[in-house]
Amino acid sequence: MQKAIFTGFLVLTLSACSGSDQDSAAPEATDATAEAAQTVDGTEDVLVPGTDYNATAMVPCGFDGAAPTATCDAGVKRNWGEDGTTLVEVKKPDGFTRAIFFKGTEPYGADSAQADGSAGWDFKTTRDGDRVTISFGPETYVIVDAFIEGG
């Protein structure tokens, strides 16, 4: 988004400084920038370029029963489910991904499998203001509400 705004600003700046040959290109770039800005203002949640995520971030995480002192790459898919649920996918250090499911800002479950033993793990959450700590077996993740809701 910042890149689109910067590009629009750059085009406007360059068109103001350039000759009339370049002036016809400025309105098209400005319209594209305005359209991108409009989609962010609430009509539609845009995707991070090159991904199917609405946002990406580094989130605190911990494994093997350790506190969440490491950081993991994460992506969020807002309105992922038909009922408006949200999906957060966290890339773990072993290269696998853990999916965590949210209703609003409250996590209610994670993907699990018999193969890795996670099918029997307990899913627990605690909230501290605008952040929720998720304990799923020996894994711990901390997710802030703004990542889930956008903004």
Protein backbone atom coordinates (compact mmCIF):
# COMPACT_ATOMS: atom_id res chain seq x y z
CA MET A 1 0.00 0.00 0.00
CA GLN A 2 2.80 2.41 0.90
CA LYS A 3 4.46 1.57 -2.40
CA ALA A 4 1.26 2.47 -4.29
CA ILE A 5 0.92 5.79 -2.45
CA PHE A 6 4.61 6.58 -2.98
CA THR A 7 4.33 5.70 -6.67
CA GLY A 8 1.31 7.98 -7.04
CA PHE A 9 3.13 10.79 -5.24
CA LEU A 10 6.21 10.26 -7.41
CA VAL A 11 4.12 10.36 -10.59
CA LEU A 12 2.40 13.56 -9.48
CA THR A 13 5.73 15.14 -8.57
CA LEU A 14 7.35 14.13 -11.83
CA SER A 15 4.37 15.26 -13.91
CA ALA A 16 4.47 18.67 -12.25
CA CYS A 17 8.15 19.00 -13.15
CA SER A 18 8.08 17.49 -16.63
CA GLY A 19 6.98 18.71 -20.05
CA SER A 20 3.56 18.23 -21.62
CA ASP A 21 4.58 14.90 -23.24
CA GLN A 22 4.44 13.22 -19.82
CA ASP A 23 1.33 14.98 -18.50
CA SER A 24 -1.09 12.54 -20.13
CA ALA A 25 0.36 9.63 -18.10
CA ALA A 26 -0.20 11.30 -14.72
CA PRO A 27 -4.03 10.96 -14.51
CA GLU A 28 -3.92 7.18 -15.14
CA ALA A 29 -1.36 6.61 -12.39
CA THR A 30 -3.26 8.92 -10.03
CA ASP A 31 -6.53 7.08 -10.68
CA ALA A 32 -4.87 3.71 -9.99
CA THR A 33 -3.47 5.05 -6.72
CA ALA A 34 -6.83 6.44 -5.68
CA GLU A 35 -8.50 3.13 -6.53
CA ALA A 36 -5.98 1.22 -4.41
CA ALA A 37 -6.49 3.63 -1.52
CA GLN A 38 -10.26 3.24 -1.81
CA THR A 39 -10.06 -0.54 -1.45
CA VAL A 40 -8.13 -0.11 1.81
CA ASP A 41 -10.67 2.34 3.23
CA GLY A 42 -13.19 -0.40 3.87
CA THR A 43 -14.73 -1.50 0.61
CA GLU A 44 -12.43 -4.50 0.33
CA ASP A 45 -9.50 -5.98 2.27
CA VAL A 46 -6.56 -6.05 -0.16
CA LEU A 47 -3.93 -8.79 -0.36
CA VAL A 48 -0.23 -8.50 0.35
CA PRO A 49 1.39 -8.59 -3.10
CA GLY A 50 2.51 -12.10 -4.07
CA THR A 51 0.47 -13.79 -1.30
CA ASP A 52 -3.09 -14.79 -0.52
CA TYR A 53 -2.86 -13.01 2.88
CA ASN A 54 -4.54 -9.77 3.89
CA ALA A 55 -1.52 -9.00 6.09
CA THR A 56 1.74 -10.57 7.19
CA ALA A 57 3.74 -10.05 10.37
CA MET A 58 6.30 -11.54 12.67
CA VAL A 59 4.57 -12.94 15.76
CA PRO A 60 6.09 -14.07 19.06
CA CYS A 61 6.24 -17.87 19.22
CA GLY A 62 7.71 -20.59 21.38
CA PHE A 63 8.15 -24.34 20.92
CA ASP A 64 8.89 -27.42 23.04
CA GLY A 65 7.19 -25.77 26.01
CA ALA A 66 9.37 -22.64 25.82
CA ALA A 67 8.07 -19.12 26.32
CA PRO A 68 7.23 -17.20 23.12
CA THR A 69 10.61 -15.47 22.88
CA ALA A 70 11.27 -16.33 19.21
CA THR A 71 9.48 -14.81 16.23
CA CYS A 72 7.72 -16.59 13.40
CA ASP A 73 6.40 -15.40 10.04
CA ALA A 74 2.60 -15.28 10.01
CA GLY A 75 -0.13 -14.43 7.52
CA VAL A 76 -3.81 -13.64 8.09
CA LYS A 77 -6.77 -14.41 5.84
CA ARG A 78 -9.66 -12.27 7.05
CA ASN A 79 -13.22 -13.41 6.33
CA TRP A 80 -11.71 -16.75 5.40
CA GLY A 81 -14.68 -18.87 6.41
CA GLU A 82 -18.22 -18.55 5.13
CA ASP A 83 -19.23 -17.38 8.60
CA GLY A 84 -16.63 -14.58 8.62
CA THR A 85 -14.03 -16.51 10.58
CA THR A 86 -10.36 -15.63 10.24
CA LEU A 87 -7.39 -17.88 9.58
CA VAL A 88 -3.86 -17.16 10.82
CA GLU A 89 -1.08 -19.32 9.43
CA VAL A 90 2.22 -19.36 11.32
CA LYS A 91 5.36 -20.78 9.75
CA LYS A 92 7.19 -22.82 12.37
CA PRO A 93 10.98 -23.21 12.52
CA ASP A 94 10.66 -26.81 11.25
CA GLY A 95 9.19 -25.45 8.00
CA PHE A 96 5.65 -26.64 8.73
CA THR A 97 2.71 -24.28 9.14
CA ARG A 98 0.28 -24.11 12.06
CA ALA A 99 -3.21 -22.81 11.26
CA ILE A 100 -5.09 -21.00 14.03
CA PHE A 101 -8.80 -20.21 13.64
CA PHE A 102 -10.51 -17.08 15.01
CA LYS A 103 -14.10 -15.90 15.51
CA GLY A 104 -13.70 -12.16 15.81
CA THR A 105 -10.56 -11.73 17.87
CA GLU A 106 -11.02 -14.94 19.85
CA PRO A 107 -9.08 -18.03 18.77
CA TYR A 108 -11.11 -21.24 18.92
CA GLY A 109 -8.86 -23.93 17.49
CA ALA A 110 -5.86 -25.00 15.48
CA ASP A 111 -5.20 -27.58 12.80
CA SER A 112 -3.97 -30.91 14.12
CA ALA A 113 -2.93 -34.31 12.86
CA GLN A 114 -2.38 -37.79 14.20
CA ALA A 115 0.90 -37.97 12.27
CA ASP A 116 2.65 -35.26 14.31
CA GLY A 117 0.85 -36.06 17.58
CA SER A 118 -0.96 -32.73 17.70
CA ALA A 119 -4.42 -34.34 17.48
CA GLY A 120 -4.40 -34.90 21.23
CA TRP A 121 -2.99 -31.52 22.25
CA ASP A 122 -4.89 -29.10 24.47
CA PHE A 123 -5.86 -25.70 23.04
CA LYS A 124 -5.81 -22.89 25.62
CA THR A 125 -5.89 -19.12 25.37
CA THR A 126 -5.29 -16.19 27.69
CA ARG A 127 -5.95 -12.54 26.91
CA ASP A 128 -4.01 -9.48 28.03
CA GLY A 129 -5.60 -6.34 26.60
CA ASP A 130 -5.34 -6.41 22.81
CA ARG A 131 -3.22 -9.54 22.60
CA VAL A 132 -4.07 -13.18 22.99
CA THR A 133 -1.63 -15.93 23.89
CA ILE A 134 -2.43 -19.30 22.39
CA SER A 135 -1.01 -22.46 23.89
CA PHE A 136 -1.43 -25.49 21.67
CA GLY A 137 0.35 -28.41 23.26
CA PRO A 138 4.05 -27.43 23.47
CA GLU A 139 3.59 -24.49 21.05
CA THR A 140 2.85 -20.90 22.08
CA TYR A 141 1.84 -17.97 19.87
CA VAL A 142 0.99 -14.35 20.68
CA ILE A 143 -1.36 -12.59 18.26
CA VAL A 144 -2.50 -8.95 18.54
CA ASP A 145 -6.08 -7.99 17.67
CA ALA A 146 -4.97 -5.45 15.03
CA PHE A 147 -3.44 -8.30 13.01
CA ILE A 148 -6.78 -10.12 13.04
CA GLU A 149 -9.03 -7.10 12.44
CA GLY A 150 -6.73 -4.95 10.34
CA GLY A 151 -5.80 -1.43 11.24
